[in-house]
């Protein structure tokens, strides 16, 4: 388990608007009301949200979520 900084990025161009991320971790991800695409709410989530953010990246069918740890 990493103790460094975790950073999240999203690519709205490849997002297929499934909403799995917003349903799984609504503190970090939302959905645009017009298109349904992902909206990043928190680019550097706290430690207690790391596992759910990683899960969101794994669940994303479009690979629109990138998680970087350093």
PDB file of N, CA and C in Angstrom:
ATOM      1  N   UNK A   1       0.836  -1.173   0.000  1.00  0.00           N
ATOM      2  CA  UNK A   1       0.000   0.000   0.000  1.00  0.00           C
ATOM      3  C   UNK A   1       0.883   1.240   0.000  1.00  0.00           C
ATOM      4  N   UNK A   2       0.560   2.157  -0.895  1.00  0.00           N
ATOM      5  CA  UNK A   2       1.329   3.377  -1.038  1.00  0.00           C
ATOM      6  C   UNK A   2       0.909   4.406   0.005  1.00  0.00           C
ATOM      7  N   UNK A   3       1.881   5.175   0.478  1.00  0.00           N
ATOM      8  CA  UNK A   3       1.571   6.254   1.407  1.00  0.00           C
ATOM      9  C   UNK A   3       1.840   7.614   0.783  1.00  0.00           C
ATOM     10  N   UNK A   4       2.253   7.635  -0.503  1.00  0.00           N
ATOM     11  CA  UNK A   4       2.498   8.885  -1.201  1.00  0.00           C
ATOM     12  C   UNK A   4       1.202   9.519  -1.664  1.00  0.00           C
ATOM     13  N   UNK A   5       1.352  10.511  -2.497  1.00  0.00           N
ATOM     14  CA  UNK A   5       0.208  11.249  -3.017  1.00  0.00           C
ATOM     15  C   UNK A   5      -0.472  10.455  -4.132  1.00  0.00           C
ATOM     16  N   UNK A   6      -1.780  10.437  -4.113  1.00  0.00           N
ATOM     17  CA  UNK A   6      -2.576   9.805  -5.158  1.00  0.00           C
ATOM     18  C   UNK A   6      -3.275  10.925  -5.933  1.00  0.00           C
ATOM     19  N   UNK A   7      -3.124  10.898  -7.253  1.00  0.00           N
ATOM     20  CA  UNK A   7      -3.724  11.901  -8.110  1.00  0.00           C
ATOM     21  C   UNK A   7      -4.621  11.219  -9.119  1.00  0.00           C
ATOM     22  N   UNK A   8      -5.780  11.797  -9.355  1.00  0.00           N
ATOM     23  CA  UNK A   8      -6.757  11.251 -10.292  1.00  0.00           C
ATOM     24  C   UNK A   8      -6.898  12.207 -11.473  1.00  0.00           C
ATOM     25  N   UNK A   9      -6.978  11.634 -12.663  1.00  0.00           N
ATOM     26  CA  UNK A   9      -7.264  12.411 -13.867  1.00  0.00           C
ATOM     27  C   UNK A   9      -8.350  11.678 -14.641  1.00  0.00           C
ATOM     28  N   UNK A  10      -9.159  12.422 -15.369  1.00  0.00           N
ATOM     29  CA  UNK A  10     -10.202  11.818 -16.196  1.00  0.00           C
ATOM     30  C   UNK A  10     -10.091  12.344 -17.621  1.00  0.00           C
ATOM     31  N   UNK A  11     -10.481  11.513 -18.566  1.00  0.00           N
ATOM     32  CA  UNK A  11     -10.506  11.893 -19.976  1.00  0.00           C
ATOM     33  C   UNK A  11     -11.959  11.885 -20.428  1.00  0.00           C
ATOM     34  N   UNK A  12     -12.561  13.052 -20.462  1.00  0.00           N
ATOM     35  CA  UNK A  12     -13.981  13.135 -20.830  1.00  0.00           C
ATOM     36  C   UNK A  12     -14.221  12.785 -22.288  1.00  0.00           C
ATOM     37  N   UNK A  13     -13.168  12.848 -23.116  1.00  0.00           N
ATOM     38  CA  UNK A  13     -13.320  12.495 -24.528  1.00  0.00           C
ATOM     39  C   UNK A  13     -13.556  11.000 -24.734  1.00  0.00           C
ATOM     40  N   UNK A  14     -13.057  10.175 -23.831  1.00  0.00           N
ATOM     41  CA  UNK A  14     -13.251   8.727 -23.973  1.00  0.00           C
ATOM     42  C   UNK A  14     -14.318   8.175 -23.037  1.00  0.00           C
ATOM     43  N   UNK A  15     -14.818   9.015 -22.134  1.00  0.00           N
ATOM     44  CA  UNK A  15     -15.860   8.583 -21.189  1.00  0.00           C
ATOM     45  C   UNK A  15     -17.119   8.166 -21.940  1.00  0.00           C
ATOM     46  N   UNK A  16     -17.655   7.000 -21.573  1.00  0.00           N
ATOM     47  CA  UNK A  16     -18.872   6.493 -22.217  1.00  0.00           C
ATOM     48  C   UNK A  16     -20.108   6.683 -21.335  1.00  0.00           C
ATOM     49  N   UNK A  17     -19.994   7.493 -20.284  1.00  0.00           N
ATOM     50  CA  UNK A  17     -21.125   7.930 -19.452  1.00  0.00           C
ATOM     51  C   UNK A  17     -21.898   6.799 -18.785  1.00  0.00           C
ATOM     52  N   UNK A  18     -21.202   5.760 -18.368  1.00  0.00           N
ATOM     53  CA  UNK A  18     -21.854   4.657 -17.657  1.00  0.00           C
ATOM     54  C   UNK A  18     -22.214   5.044 -16.220  1.00  0.00           C
ATOM     55  N   UNK A  19     -21.435   5.929 -15.603  1.00  0.00           N
ATOM     56  CA  UNK A  19     -21.731   6.404 -14.258  1.00  0.00           C
ATOM     57  C   UNK A  19     -21.272   5.505 -13.135  1.00  0.00           C
ATOM     58  N   UNK A  20     -20.503   4.485 -13.436  1.00  0.00           N
ATOM     59  CA  UNK A  20     -20.030   3.583 -12.377  1.00  0.00           C
ATOM     60  C   UNK A  20     -19.168   4.319 -11.354  1.00  0.00           C
ATOM     61  N   UNK A  21     -18.354   5.235 -11.849  1.00  0.00           N
ATOM     62  CA  UNK A  21     -17.463   5.966 -10.941  1.00  0.00           C
ATOM     63  C   UNK A  21     -18.263   6.843  -9.985  1.00  0.00           C
ATOM     64  N   UNK A  22     -19.228   7.575 -10.506  1.00  0.00           N
ATOM     65  CA  UNK A  22     -20.038   8.464  -9.675  1.00  0.00           C
ATOM     66  C   UNK A  22     -20.871   7.672  -8.668  1.00  0.00           C
ATOM     67  N   UNK A  23     -21.324   6.500  -9.063  1.00  0.00           N
ATOM     68  CA  UNK A  23     -22.106   5.665  -8.151  1.00  0.00           C
ATOM     69  C   UNK A  23     -21.221   5.027  -7.080  1.00  0.00           C
ATOM     70  N   UNK A  24     -19.975   4.715  -7.443  1.00  0.00           N
ATOM     71  CA  UNK A  24     -19.060   4.048  -6.519  1.00  0.00           C
ATOM     72  C   UNK A  24     -18.402   5.023  -5.554  1.00  0.00           C
ATOM     73  N   UNK A  25     -17.986   6.179  -6.056  1.00  0.00           N
ATOM     74  CA  UNK A  25     -17.321   7.159  -5.193  1.00  0.00           C
ATOM     75  C   UNK A  25     -17.768   8.584  -5.531  1.00  0.00           C
ATOM     76  N   UNK A  26     -18.948   8.968  -5.041  1.00  0.00           N
ATOM     77  CA  UNK A  26     -19.504  10.282  -5.362  1.00  0.00           C
ATOM     78  C   UNK A  26     -18.765  11.468  -4.732  1.00  0.00           C
ATOM     79  N   UNK A  27     -17.841  11.202  -3.826  1.00  0.00           N
ATOM     80  CA  UNK A  27     -17.035  12.291  -3.270  1.00  0.00           C
ATOM     81  C   UNK A  27     -15.947  12.733  -4.246  1.00  0.00           C
ATOM     82  N   UNK A  28     -15.611  11.867  -5.190  1.00  0.00           N
ATOM     83  CA  UNK A  28     -14.527  12.143  -6.133  1.00  0.00           C
ATOM     84  C   UNK A  28     -15.052  12.350  -7.558  1.00  0.00           C
ATOM     85  N   UNK A  29     -16.111  11.615  -7.924  1.00  0.00           N
ATOM     86  CA  UNK A  29     -16.615  11.661  -9.298  1.00  0.00           C
ATOM     87  C   UNK A  29     -18.087  12.055  -9.337  1.00  0.00           C
ATOM     88  N   UNK A  30     -18.423  12.854 -10.321  1.00  0.00           N
ATOM     89  CA  UNK A  30     -19.804  13.195 -10.598  1.00  0.00           C
ATOM     90  C   UNK A  30     -20.074  12.948 -12.067  1.00  0.00           C
ATOM     91  N   UNK A  31     -21.257  13.353 -12.516  1.00  0.00           N
ATOM     92  CA  UNK A  31     -21.614  13.215 -13.922  1.00  0.00           C
ATOM     93  C   UNK A  31     -22.189  14.530 -14.422  1.00  0.00           C
ATOM     94  N   UNK A  32     -21.781  14.921 -15.623  1.00  0.00           N
ATOM     95  CA  UNK A  32     -22.318  16.129 -16.242  1.00  0.00           C
ATOM     96  C   UNK A  32     -23.800  15.920 -16.528  1.00  0.00           C
ATOM     97  N   UNK A  33     -24.614  16.911 -16.204  1.00  0.00           N
ATOM     98  CA  UNK A  33     -26.062  16.771 -16.377  1.00  0.00           C
ATOM     99  C   UNK A  33     -26.472  16.698 -17.844  1.00  0.00           C
ATOM    100  N   UNK A  34     -25.731  17.339 -18.722  1.00  0.00           N
ATOM    101  CA  UNK A  34     -26.107  17.349 -20.136  1.00  0.00           C
ATOM    102  C   UNK A  34     -25.653  16.111 -20.901  1.00  0.00           C
ATOM    103  N   UNK A  35     -24.448  15.616 -20.601  1.00  0.00           N
ATOM    104  CA  UNK A  35     -23.885  14.503 -21.371  1.00  0.00           C
ATOM    105  C   UNK A  35     -23.744  13.207 -20.586  1.00  0.00           C
ATOM    106  N   UNK A  36     -23.740  13.303 -19.262  1.00  0.00           N
ATOM    107  CA  UNK A  36     -23.531  12.116 -18.432  1.00  0.00           C
ATOM    108  C   UNK A  36     -22.080  11.736 -18.269  1.00  0.00           C
ATOM    109  N   UNK A  37     -21.180  12.475 -18.905  1.00  0.00           N
ATOM    110  CA  UNK A  37     -19.765  12.140 -18.795  1.00  0.00           C
ATOM    111  C   UNK A  37     -19.230  12.485 -17.407  1.00  0.00           C
ATOM    112  N   UNK A  38     -18.126  11.885 -17.089  1.00  0.00           N
ATOM    113  CA  UNK A  38     -17.514  12.027 -15.775  1.00  0.00           C
ATOM    114  C   UNK A  38     -17.100  13.470 -15.509  1.00  0.00           C
ATOM    115  N   UNK A  39     -17.276  13.871 -14.259  1.00  0.00           N
ATOM    116  CA  UNK A  39     -16.794  15.157 -13.762  1.00  0.00           C
ATOM    117  C   UNK A  39     -15.909  14.853 -12.563  1.00  0.00           C
ATOM    118  N   UNK A  40     -14.674  15.296 -12.619  1.00  0.00           N
ATOM    119  CA  UNK A  40     -13.747  15.074 -11.507  1.00  0.00           C
ATOM    120  C   UNK A  40     -13.987  16.130 -10.436  1.00  0.00           C
ATOM    121  N   UNK A  41     -14.354  15.694  -9.257  1.00  0.00           N
ATOM    122  CA  UNK A  41     -14.655  16.595  -8.154  1.00  0.00           C
ATOM    123  C   UNK A  41     -13.471  16.808  -7.223  1.00  0.00           C
ATOM    124  N   UNK A  42     -12.566  15.834  -7.179  1.00  0.00           N
ATOM    125  CA  UNK A  42     -11.453  15.881  -6.234  1.00  0.00           C
ATOM    126  C   UNK A  42     -10.246  15.184  -6.858  1.00  0.00           C
ATOM    127  N   UNK A  43      -9.273  15.949  -7.329  1.00  0.00           N
ATOM    128  CA  UNK A  43      -8.123  15.384  -8.038  1.00  0.00           C
ATOM    129  C   UNK A  43      -7.115  14.698  -7.121  1.00  0.00           C
ATOM    130  N   UNK A  44      -7.087  15.091  -5.848  1.00  0.00           N
ATOM    131  CA  UNK A  44      -6.172  14.470  -4.886  1.00  0.00           C
ATOM    132  C   UNK A  44      -6.971  14.008  -3.674  1.00  0.00           C
ATOM    133  N   UNK A  45      -7.634  12.861  -3.808  1.00  0.00           N
ATOM    134  CA  UNK A  45      -8.480  12.378  -2.710  1.00  0.00           C
ATOM    135  C   UNK A  45      -7.663  11.984  -1.481  1.00  0.00           C
ATOM    136  N   UNK A  46      -8.282  12.081  -0.309  1.00  0.00           N
ATOM    137  CA  UNK A  46      -7.591  11.691   0.929  1.00  0.00           C
ATOM    138  C   UNK A  46      -7.386  10.176   0.991  1.00  0.00           C
ATOM    139  N   UNK A  47      -6.532   9.783   1.898  1.00  0.00           N
ATOM    140  CA  UNK A  47      -6.146   8.374   2.029  1.00  0.00           C
ATOM    141  C   UNK A  47      -7.340   7.437   2.181  1.00  0.00           C
ATOM    142  N   UNK A  48      -8.372   7.849   2.883  1.00  0.00           N
ATOM    143  CA  UNK A  48      -9.509   6.965   3.128  1.00  0.00           C
ATOM    144  C   UNK A  48     -10.325   6.664   1.865  1.00  0.00           C
ATOM    145  N   UNK A  49     -10.094   7.405   0.786  1.00  0.00           N
ATOM    146  CA  UNK A  49     -10.823   7.166  -0.459  1.00  0.00           C
ATOM    147  C   UNK A  49      -9.979   6.463  -1.525  1.00  0.00           C
ATOM    148  N   UNK A  50      -8.740   6.182  -1.222  1.00  0.00           N
ATOM    149  CA  UNK A  50      -7.833   5.604  -2.222  1.00  0.00           C
ATOM    150  C   UNK A  50      -8.327   4.290  -2.814  1.00  0.00           C
ATOM    151  N   UNK A  51      -8.756   3.387  -1.969  1.00  0.00           N
ATOM    152  CA  UNK A  51      -9.189   2.079  -2.478  1.00  0.00           C
ATOM    153  C   UNK A  51     -10.402   2.210  -3.388  1.00  0.00           C
ATOM    154  N   UNK A  52     -11.354   3.050  -3.014  1.00  0.00           N
ATOM    155  CA  UNK A  52     -12.541   3.200  -3.851  1.00  0.00           C
ATOM    156  C   UNK A  52     -12.210   3.914  -5.153  1.00  0.00           C
ATOM    157  N   UNK A  53     -11.246   4.822  -5.137  1.00  0.00           N
ATOM    158  CA  UNK A  53     -10.826   5.495  -6.373  1.00  0.00           C
ATOM    159  C   UNK A  53     -10.138   4.503  -7.304  1.00  0.00           C
ATOM    160  N   UNK A  54      -9.292   3.662  -6.752  1.00  0.00           N
ATOM    161  CA  UNK A  54      -8.655   2.616  -7.574  1.00  0.00           C
ATOM    162  C   UNK A  54      -9.708   1.685  -8.166  1.00  0.00           C
ATOM    163  N   UNK A  55     -10.709   1.346  -7.374  1.00  0.00           N
ATOM    164  CA  UNK A  55     -11.795   0.495  -7.856  1.00  0.00           C
ATOM    165  C   UNK A  55     -12.533   1.177  -9.008  1.00  0.00           C
ATOM    166  N   UNK A  56     -12.787   2.457  -8.885  1.00  0.00           N
ATOM    167  CA  UNK A  56     -13.459   3.192  -9.967  1.00  0.00           C
ATOM    168  C   UNK A  56     -12.659   3.106 -11.269  1.00  0.00           C
ATOM    169  N   UNK A  57     -11.352   3.268 -11.176  1.00  0.00           N
ATOM    170  CA  UNK A  57     -10.509   3.162 -12.371  1.00  0.00           C
ATOM    171  C   UNK A  57     -10.610   1.755 -12.962  1.00  0.00           C
ATOM    172  N   UNK A  58     -10.617   0.746 -12.111  1.00  0.00           N
ATOM    173  CA  UNK A  58     -10.732  -0.638 -12.584  1.00  0.00           C
ATOM    174  C   UNK A  58     -12.095  -0.921 -13.205  1.00  0.00           C
ATOM    175  N   UNK A  59     -13.151  -0.335 -12.649  1.00  0.00           N
ATOM    176  CA  UNK A  59     -14.511  -0.579 -13.137  1.00  0.00           C
ATOM    177  C   UNK A  59     -14.849   0.181 -14.413  1.00  0.00           C
ATOM    178  N   UNK A  60     -14.110   1.227 -14.716  1.00  0.00           N
ATOM    179  CA  UNK A  60     -14.437   2.078 -15.861  1.00  0.00           C
ATOM    180  C   UNK A  60     -14.287   1.295 -17.169  1.00  0.00           C
ATOM    181  N   UNK A  61     -15.398   1.082 -17.902  1.00  0.00           N
ATOM    182  CA  UNK A  61     -15.325   0.288 -19.133  1.00  0.00           C
ATOM    183  C   UNK A  61     -14.611   1.009 -20.272  1.00  0.00           C
ATOM    184  N   UNK A  62     -14.397   2.310 -20.126  1.00  0.00           N
ATOM    185  CA  UNK A  62     -13.776   3.110 -21.181  1.00  0.00           C
ATOM    186  C   UNK A  62     -12.336   3.491 -20.864  1.00  0.00           C
ATOM    187  N   UNK A  63     -11.854   3.114 -19.696  1.00  0.00           N
ATOM    188  CA  UNK A  63     -10.514   3.504 -19.224  1.00  0.00           C
ATOM    189  C   UNK A  63     -10.341   5.017 -19.228  1.00  0.00           C
ATOM    190  N   UNK A  64     -11.369   5.723 -18.791  1.00  0.00           N
ATOM    191  CA  UNK A  64     -11.334   7.183 -18.769  1.00  0.00           C
ATOM    192  C   UNK A  64     -10.715   7.749 -17.493  1.00  0.00           C
ATOM    193  N   UNK A  65     -10.423   6.886 -16.521  1.00  0.00           N
ATOM    194  CA  UNK A  65      -9.883   7.335 -15.236  1.00  0.00           C
ATOM    195  C   UNK A  65      -8.453   6.832 -15.094  1.00  0.00           C
ATOM    196  N   UNK A  66      -7.557   7.767 -14.782  1.00  0.00           N
ATOM    197  CA  UNK A  66      -6.158   7.431 -14.548  1.00  0.00           C
ATOM    198  C   UNK A  66      -5.814   7.788 -13.113  1.00  0.00           C
ATOM    199  N   UNK A  67      -5.221   6.839 -12.410  1.00  0.00           N
ATOM    200  CA  UNK A  67      -4.780   7.040 -11.037  1.00  0.00           C
ATOM    201  C   UNK A  67      -3.255   6.965 -11.023  1.00  0.00           C
ATOM    202  N   UNK A  68      -2.636   7.996 -10.471  1.00  0.00           N
ATOM    203  CA  UNK A  68      -1.184   8.060 -10.380  1.00  0.00           C
ATOM    204  C   UNK A  68      -0.799   8.183  -8.917  1.00  0.00           C
ATOM    205  N   UNK A  69       0.193   7.408  -8.517  1.00  0.00           N
ATOM    206  CA  UNK A  69       0.670   7.469  -7.145  1.00  0.00           C
ATOM    207  C   UNK A  69       2.159   7.760  -7.153  1.00  0.00           C
ATOM    208  N   UNK A  70       2.578   8.652  -6.262  1.00  0.00           N
ATOM    209  CA  UNK A  70       4.008   8.939  -6.128  1.00  0.00           C
ATOM    210  C   UNK A  70       4.403   9.116  -4.684  1.00  0.00           C
TER     211      UNK A  70
END
